[in-house]
Each structure stands twice: as structure tokens, then as C-alpha cells.
Amino acid sequence: MNRKLTDQDIEDTWRLLEAQHGRVSGRQLREALRARFGTPGRTDRVFEIWRVLSERQRRAVLEPPVAELLRRMELAEAMAAEALRAKAAAETRAELAENREIAHQDRWAHEIYELRQELERLKQQRFRV
């Protein structure tokens, strides 16, 4: 009798092998299916399920360190962006302060110049009289 393996049969067999041996090859999976169910299953179907399960298992092993690195990288990028914004804001404030200082000095320089001119005019009027 030609028995059709379910996805669950293949996955359960993969999990048994994975628990026993760690990494499972596609060939090991097919041999275990043949020993367990009397048929190795269609190669393309078994290998597709094997790839999905192996990838999940690989990601489960890699995800915690990778996720932590990604989180730290995103945090560093956010901090760098904030530092750039803060630097730009500080430069803008410094430029505005410098412009205000120049305007202030120009105003008072002009005021002093006008007062000196007025004083000279008054001196000249005083000596003419």
C-alpha cells in the first residue's frame, strides 16, 4: 500500500531527529521516514519541509544575538541622529547670538559716532561765539 505522508508526519520525524542529533540533513530525514513509515516521501516535498524547518531552527539559534545587535544598532543610529540635531541647533543658536552681538555693537558704535559728531558741532559753535 502506498501511504501518503502528511506534513505533520514529516515535521514530527524531523523534530525527533533534531532532538537526537542536532542538525538534520535532508537525506537523514528521508531515511528516517522510510524506516518509520515505510516510504521516504516525495523528494521535493520532503526537502521543502526540511528547508523550512531547518531555517526556522537556524533563526531560533541566531535571533537573540542578531536581534540584540539590531536593537543596539538602531539605538546608536537614533543617538547619532539626535546628536546631529543637537549640534545643528547649537550652531543655529550660536549664529543667532553672534548676529545679535554684531547688531548690538554696530548700534552702539553708530550711537557713539553720532554723539561724537554732536560734541564736535557743539565745540565748534562754542568757539565761534
N, C-alpha and C. Protein backbone atom coordinates (compact mmCIF):
# COMPACT_ATOMS: atom_id res chain seq x y z
N MET A 1 0.84 -1.17 0.00
CA MET A 1 0.00 0.00 0.00
C MET A 1 0.89 1.25 0.00
N ASN A 2 0.58 2.19 -0.85
CA ASN A 2 1.35 3.43 -0.97
C ASN A 2 0.78 4.44 0.01
N ARG A 3 1.48 4.69 1.11
CA ARG A 3 1.00 5.59 2.15
C ARG A 3 1.48 7.01 1.87
N LYS A 4 0.57 7.97 1.97
CA LYS A 4 0.94 9.37 1.77
C LYS A 4 1.30 9.96 3.13
N LEU A 5 2.49 10.53 3.19
CA LEU A 5 2.95 11.16 4.43
C LEU A 5 2.32 12.54 4.56
N THR A 6 1.89 12.88 5.75
CA THR A 6 1.38 14.23 6.00
C THR A 6 2.54 15.15 6.34
N ASP A 7 2.29 16.44 6.24
CA ASP A 7 3.31 17.40 6.65
C ASP A 7 3.67 17.20 8.12
N GLN A 8 2.66 16.87 8.91
CA GLN A 8 2.88 16.66 10.34
C GLN A 8 3.78 15.45 10.58
N ASP A 9 3.59 14.37 9.79
CA ASP A 9 4.47 13.18 9.90
C ASP A 9 5.92 13.57 9.63
N ILE A 10 6.11 14.34 8.59
CA ILE A 10 7.47 14.75 8.21
C ILE A 10 8.06 15.66 9.30
N GLU A 11 7.26 16.61 9.78
CA GLU A 11 7.74 17.53 10.80
C GLU A 11 8.04 16.80 12.11
N ASP A 12 7.17 15.88 12.51
CA ASP A 12 7.42 15.12 13.74
C ASP A 12 8.71 14.31 13.63
N THR A 13 8.93 13.69 12.48
CA THR A 13 10.16 12.92 12.27
C THR A 13 11.38 13.82 12.31
N TRP A 14 11.26 14.99 11.69
CA TRP A 14 12.37 15.95 11.72
C TRP A 14 12.68 16.34 13.16
N ARG A 15 11.64 16.60 13.95
CA ARG A 15 11.84 17.02 15.35
C ARG A 15 12.50 15.90 16.17
N LEU A 16 12.10 14.65 15.93
CA LEU A 16 12.74 13.53 16.62
C LEU A 16 14.23 13.46 16.28
N LEU A 17 14.55 13.58 15.00
CA LEU A 17 15.96 13.54 14.58
C LEU A 17 16.73 14.73 15.14
N GLU A 18 16.10 15.88 15.13
CA GLU A 18 16.75 17.09 15.61
C GLU A 18 17.05 16.96 17.11
N ALA A 19 16.12 16.36 17.85
CA ALA A 19 16.34 16.16 19.29
C ALA A 19 17.47 15.16 19.53
N GLN A 20 17.59 14.17 18.67
CA GLN A 20 18.62 13.15 18.84
C GLN A 20 19.99 13.60 18.35
N HIS A 21 20.03 14.25 17.19
CA HIS A 21 21.31 14.52 16.53
C HIS A 21 21.67 16.01 16.41
N GLY A 22 20.78 16.88 16.72
CA GLY A 22 21.06 18.30 16.49
C GLY A 22 20.66 18.66 15.07
N ARG A 23 21.64 18.91 14.23
CA ARG A 23 21.35 19.23 12.82
C ARG A 23 20.87 17.98 12.09
N VAL A 24 19.91 18.20 11.21
CA VAL A 24 19.31 17.10 10.45
C VAL A 24 19.52 17.38 8.97
N SER A 25 20.05 16.39 8.25
CA SER A 25 20.18 16.56 6.79
C SER A 25 18.90 16.05 6.14
N GLY A 26 18.69 16.47 4.93
CA GLY A 26 17.53 16.01 4.17
C GLY A 26 17.58 14.51 3.93
N ARG A 27 18.76 14.02 3.70
CA ARG A 27 18.95 12.58 3.47
C ARG A 27 18.61 11.79 4.74
N GLN A 28 19.07 12.27 5.90
CA GLN A 28 18.73 11.62 7.17
C GLN A 28 17.22 11.59 7.38
N LEU A 29 16.57 12.69 7.05
CA LEU A 29 15.13 12.78 7.22
C LEU A 29 14.42 11.74 6.36
N ARG A 30 14.82 11.64 5.10
CA ARG A 30 14.17 10.67 4.21
C ARG A 30 14.41 9.24 4.68
N GLU A 31 15.62 8.94 5.16
CA GLU A 31 15.90 7.60 5.67
C GLU A 31 15.04 7.30 6.90
N ALA A 32 14.91 8.29 7.77
CA ALA A 32 14.09 8.10 8.97
C ALA A 32 12.62 7.92 8.59
N LEU A 33 12.15 8.65 7.59
CA LEU A 33 10.76 8.50 7.13
C LEU A 33 10.54 7.09 6.57
N ARG A 34 11.50 6.60 5.81
CA ARG A 34 11.39 5.25 5.25
C ARG A 34 11.35 4.22 6.38
N ALA A 35 12.22 4.38 7.38
CA ALA A 35 12.25 3.43 8.49
C ALA A 35 10.97 3.51 9.32
N ARG A 36 10.45 4.70 9.50
CA ARG A 36 9.29 4.90 10.36
C ARG A 36 7.97 4.59 9.67
N PHE A 37 7.84 5.02 8.40
CA PHE A 37 6.55 4.90 7.71
C PHE A 37 6.58 3.97 6.50
N GLY A 38 7.76 3.48 6.15
CA GLY A 38 7.87 2.59 5.01
C GLY A 38 7.98 3.31 3.68
N THR A 39 8.05 4.61 3.69
CA THR A 39 8.21 5.40 2.47
C THR A 39 9.01 6.66 2.79
N PRO A 40 9.91 7.06 1.90
CA PRO A 40 10.70 8.27 2.16
C PRO A 40 9.95 9.55 1.78
N GLY A 41 8.81 9.43 1.12
CA GLY A 41 8.08 10.62 0.67
C GLY A 41 8.67 11.17 -0.61
N ARG A 42 7.92 12.06 -1.23
CA ARG A 42 8.41 12.70 -2.46
C ARG A 42 9.59 13.61 -2.11
N THR A 43 10.65 13.49 -2.85
CA THR A 43 11.89 14.21 -2.56
C THR A 43 11.67 15.71 -2.47
N ASP A 44 11.02 16.29 -3.47
CA ASP A 44 10.86 17.75 -3.48
C ASP A 44 10.02 18.23 -2.30
N ARG A 45 8.98 17.49 -1.95
CA ARG A 45 8.11 17.88 -0.84
C ARG A 45 8.85 17.75 0.49
N VAL A 46 9.52 16.63 0.70
CA VAL A 46 10.25 16.40 1.95
C VAL A 46 11.35 17.44 2.11
N PHE A 47 12.08 17.71 1.03
CA PHE A 47 13.16 18.68 1.13
C PHE A 47 12.64 20.10 1.33
N GLU A 48 11.49 20.44 0.80
CA GLU A 48 10.90 21.76 1.03
C GLU A 48 10.56 21.92 2.51
N ILE A 49 9.91 20.91 3.09
CA ILE A 49 9.58 20.97 4.52
C ILE A 49 10.86 20.98 5.35
N TRP A 50 11.85 20.17 4.95
CA TRP A 50 13.13 20.15 5.65
C TRP A 50 13.77 21.54 5.64
N ARG A 51 13.75 22.24 4.48
CA ARG A 51 14.35 23.58 4.38
C ARG A 51 13.65 24.55 5.32
N VAL A 52 12.33 24.51 5.34
CA VAL A 52 11.57 25.43 6.20
C VAL A 52 11.91 25.17 7.67
N LEU A 53 11.89 23.90 8.08
CA LEU A 53 12.17 23.57 9.48
C LEU A 53 13.61 23.89 9.86
N SER A 54 14.54 23.60 8.97
CA SER A 54 15.96 23.89 9.25
C SER A 54 16.20 25.39 9.35
N GLU A 55 15.55 26.15 8.48
CA GLU A 55 15.69 27.61 8.53
C GLU A 55 15.11 28.17 9.82
N ARG A 56 13.96 27.67 10.22
CA ARG A 56 13.36 28.12 11.49
C ARG A 56 14.29 27.83 12.66
N GLN A 57 14.85 26.63 12.66
CA GLN A 57 15.75 26.24 13.74
C GLN A 57 17.00 27.10 13.73
N ARG A 58 17.53 27.38 12.54
CA ARG A 58 18.73 28.23 12.43
C ARG A 58 18.43 29.64 12.92
N ARG A 59 17.27 30.17 12.56
CA ARG A 59 16.88 31.51 13.01
C ARG A 59 16.67 31.55 14.51
N ALA A 60 16.10 30.49 15.07
CA ALA A 60 15.88 30.45 16.51
C ALA A 60 17.21 30.54 17.26
N VAL A 61 18.25 29.92 16.70
CA VAL A 61 19.57 29.96 17.32
C VAL A 61 20.20 31.34 17.15
N LEU A 62 20.03 31.94 15.97
CA LEU A 62 20.68 33.21 15.67
C LEU A 62 19.90 34.43 16.13
N GLU A 63 18.60 34.33 16.26
CA GLU A 63 17.79 35.52 16.50
C GLU A 63 18.15 36.30 17.75
N PRO A 64 18.32 35.66 18.92
CA PRO A 64 18.60 36.50 20.09
C PRO A 64 19.83 37.39 19.91
N PRO A 65 21.00 36.87 19.48
CA PRO A 65 22.14 37.78 19.31
C PRO A 65 21.92 38.79 18.19
N VAL A 66 21.34 38.34 17.09
CA VAL A 66 21.11 39.25 15.96
C VAL A 66 20.10 40.32 16.35
N ALA A 67 19.04 39.91 17.02
CA ALA A 67 18.02 40.88 17.45
C ALA A 67 18.64 41.91 18.40
N GLU A 68 19.49 41.45 19.30
CA GLU A 68 20.14 42.38 20.23
C GLU A 68 21.06 43.33 19.48
N LEU A 69 21.81 42.82 18.52
CA LEU A 69 22.69 43.68 17.74
C LEU A 69 21.89 44.70 16.93
N LEU A 70 20.78 44.26 16.34
CA LEU A 70 19.93 45.18 15.59
C LEU A 70 19.35 46.26 16.50
N ARG A 71 18.91 45.85 17.69
CA ARG A 71 18.36 46.81 18.64
C ARG A 71 19.42 47.83 19.03
N ARG A 72 20.64 47.35 19.31
CA ARG A 72 21.71 48.26 19.69
C ARG A 72 22.10 49.17 18.53
N MET A 73 22.10 48.64 17.31
CA MET A 73 22.42 49.45 16.14
C MET A 73 21.37 50.55 15.95
N GLU A 74 20.09 50.20 16.08
CA GLU A 74 19.03 51.19 15.94
C GLU A 74 19.14 52.26 17.02
N LEU A 75 19.46 51.85 18.25
CA LEU A 75 19.64 52.80 19.34
C LEU A 75 20.82 53.74 19.05
N ALA A 76 21.93 53.18 18.54
CA ALA A 76 23.10 54.01 18.21
C ALA A 76 22.77 54.99 17.09
N GLU A 77 22.02 54.52 16.08
CA GLU A 77 21.63 55.40 14.98
C GLU A 77 20.73 56.52 15.49
N ALA A 78 19.81 56.19 16.38
CA ALA A 78 18.92 57.22 16.94
C ALA A 78 19.72 58.23 17.76
N MET A 79 20.70 57.74 18.53
CA MET A 79 21.52 58.65 19.32
C MET A 79 22.37 59.55 18.42
N ALA A 80 22.90 58.98 17.34
CA ALA A 80 23.71 59.77 16.42
C ALA A 80 22.85 60.83 15.73
N ALA A 81 21.64 60.46 15.35
CA ALA A 81 20.74 61.43 14.71
C ALA A 81 20.38 62.54 15.69
N GLU A 82 20.13 62.19 16.95
CA GLU A 82 19.82 63.20 17.97
C GLU A 82 21.02 64.11 18.20
N ALA A 83 22.23 63.53 18.20
CA ALA A 83 23.43 64.35 18.38
C ALA A 83 23.60 65.33 17.22
N LEU A 84 23.31 64.88 16.00
CA LEU A 84 23.39 65.77 14.84
C LEU A 84 22.36 66.90 14.94
N ARG A 85 21.14 66.54 15.38
CA ARG A 85 20.12 67.58 15.55
C ARG A 85 20.53 68.59 16.62
N ALA A 86 21.09 68.08 17.72
CA ALA A 86 21.52 68.96 18.80
C ALA A 86 22.66 69.86 18.33
N LYS A 87 23.59 69.31 17.55
CA LYS A 87 24.70 70.10 17.03
C LYS A 87 24.19 71.18 16.09
N ALA A 88 23.27 70.83 15.22
CA ALA A 88 22.70 71.81 14.29
C ALA A 88 21.97 72.91 15.05
N ALA A 89 21.22 72.53 16.08
CA ALA A 89 20.50 73.52 16.89
C ALA A 89 21.49 74.44 17.61
N ALA A 90 22.57 73.87 18.15
CA ALA A 90 23.57 74.68 18.84
C ALA A 90 24.26 75.64 17.88
N GLU A 91 24.57 75.16 16.68
CA GLU A 91 25.18 76.04 15.68
C GLU A 91 24.24 77.17 15.29
N THR A 92 22.96 76.85 15.15
CA THR A 92 21.97 77.89 14.82
C THR A 92 21.89 78.92 15.93
N ARG A 93 21.84 78.45 17.19
CA ARG A 93 21.80 79.39 18.33
C ARG A 93 23.05 80.25 18.37
N ALA A 94 24.21 79.65 18.13
CA ALA A 94 25.47 80.40 18.17
C ALA A 94 25.49 81.47 17.06
N GLU A 95 25.01 81.09 15.89
CA GLU A 95 24.97 82.05 14.78
C GLU A 95 24.03 83.21 15.09
N LEU A 96 22.86 82.90 15.65
CA LEU A 96 21.93 83.96 16.03
C LEU A 96 22.52 84.87 17.10
N ALA A 97 23.18 84.28 18.08
CA ALA A 97 23.81 85.08 19.14
C ALA A 97 24.90 85.98 18.57
N GLU A 98 25.68 85.44 17.64
CA GLU A 98 26.74 86.24 17.02
C GLU A 98 26.14 87.39 16.23
N ASN A 99 25.07 87.12 15.48
CA ASN A 99 24.41 88.18 14.71
C ASN A 99 23.82 89.25 15.63
N ARG A 100 23.23 88.82 16.75
CA ARG A 100 22.70 89.80 17.72
C ARG A 100 23.82 90.65 18.30
N GLU A 101 24.94 90.01 18.63
CA GLU A 101 26.07 90.75 19.19
C GLU A 101 26.62 91.77 18.19
N ILE A 102 26.74 91.37 16.94
CA ILE A 102 27.22 92.29 15.90
C ILE A 102 26.25 93.46 15.75
N ALA A 103 24.96 93.16 15.71
CA ALA A 103 23.96 94.23 15.59
C ALA A 103 24.03 95.16 16.79
N HIS A 104 24.21 94.60 17.99
CA HIS A 104 24.31 95.40 19.21
C HIS A 104 25.53 96.32 19.15
N GLN A 105 26.68 95.75 18.77
CA GLN A 105 27.89 96.57 18.69
C GLN A 105 27.78 97.64 17.61
N ASP A 106 27.19 97.29 16.47
CA ASP A 106 27.01 98.27 15.40
C ASP A 106 26.12 99.42 15.86
N ARG A 107 25.03 99.06 16.56
CA ARG A 107 24.11 100.10 17.03
C ARG A 107 24.81 101.08 17.97
N TRP A 108 25.57 100.52 18.95
CA TRP A 108 26.22 101.40 19.90
C TRP A 108 27.42 102.11 19.29
N ALA A 109 28.07 101.52 18.33
CA ALA A 109 29.16 102.22 17.64
C ALA A 109 28.59 103.41 16.87
N HIS A 110 27.45 103.17 16.22
CA HIS A 110 26.79 104.26 15.49
C HIS A 110 26.33 105.35 16.46
N GLU A 111 25.78 104.97 17.59
CA GLU A 111 25.32 105.94 18.60
C GLU A 111 26.50 106.76 19.12
N ILE A 112 27.63 106.10 19.42
CA ILE A 112 28.82 106.81 19.91
C ILE A 112 29.34 107.75 18.83
N TYR A 113 29.36 107.30 17.59
CA TYR A 113 29.81 108.14 16.49
C TYR A 113 28.93 109.39 16.39
N GLU A 114 27.64 109.23 16.47
CA GLU A 114 26.73 110.39 16.38
C GLU A 114 26.93 111.34 17.55
N LEU A 115 27.14 110.79 18.75
CA LEU A 115 27.38 111.65 19.91
C LEU A 115 28.68 112.43 19.76
N ARG A 116 29.72 111.79 19.22
CA ARG A 116 30.99 112.48 19.00
C ARG A 116 30.82 113.60 17.96
N GLN A 117 30.05 113.29 16.92
CA GLN A 117 29.79 114.32 15.91
C GLN A 117 29.05 115.51 16.53
N GLU A 118 28.07 115.21 17.35
CA GLU A 118 27.31 116.27 18.04
C GLU A 118 28.22 117.08 18.95
N LEU A 119 29.11 116.39 19.67
CA LEU A 119 30.05 117.08 20.55
C LEU A 119 30.97 118.00 19.74
N GLU A 120 31.46 117.52 18.61
CA GLU A 120 32.31 118.36 17.76
C GLU A 120 31.55 119.58 17.27
N ARG A 121 30.31 119.40 16.87
CA ARG A 121 29.49 120.53 16.42
C ARG A 121 29.31 121.56 17.54
N LEU A 122 29.03 121.03 18.73
CA LEU A 122 28.84 121.94 19.86
C LEU A 122 30.14 122.67 20.21
N LYS A 123 31.30 122.00 20.13
CA LYS A 123 32.58 122.63 20.40
C LYS A 123 32.84 123.75 19.40
N GLN A 124 32.54 123.46 18.14
CA GLN A 124 32.78 124.46 17.12
C GLN A 124 31.86 125.66 17.30
N GLN A 125 30.61 125.42 17.70
CA GLN A 125 29.68 126.53 17.94
C GLN A 125 30.13 127.35 19.15
N ARG A 126 30.65 126.72 20.13
CA ARG A 126 31.08 127.40 21.35
C ARG A 126 32.26 128.31 21.07
N PHE A 127 33.20 127.81 20.24
CA PHE A 127 34.39 128.62 19.95
C PHE A 127 34.07 129.73 18.96
N ARG A 128 33.02 129.64 18.20
CA ARG A 128 32.66 130.69 17.25
C ARG A 128 32.04 131.87 17.97
N VAL A 129 31.42 131.61 18.97
CA VAL A 129 30.71 132.68 19.65
C VAL A 129 31.64 133.58 20.40
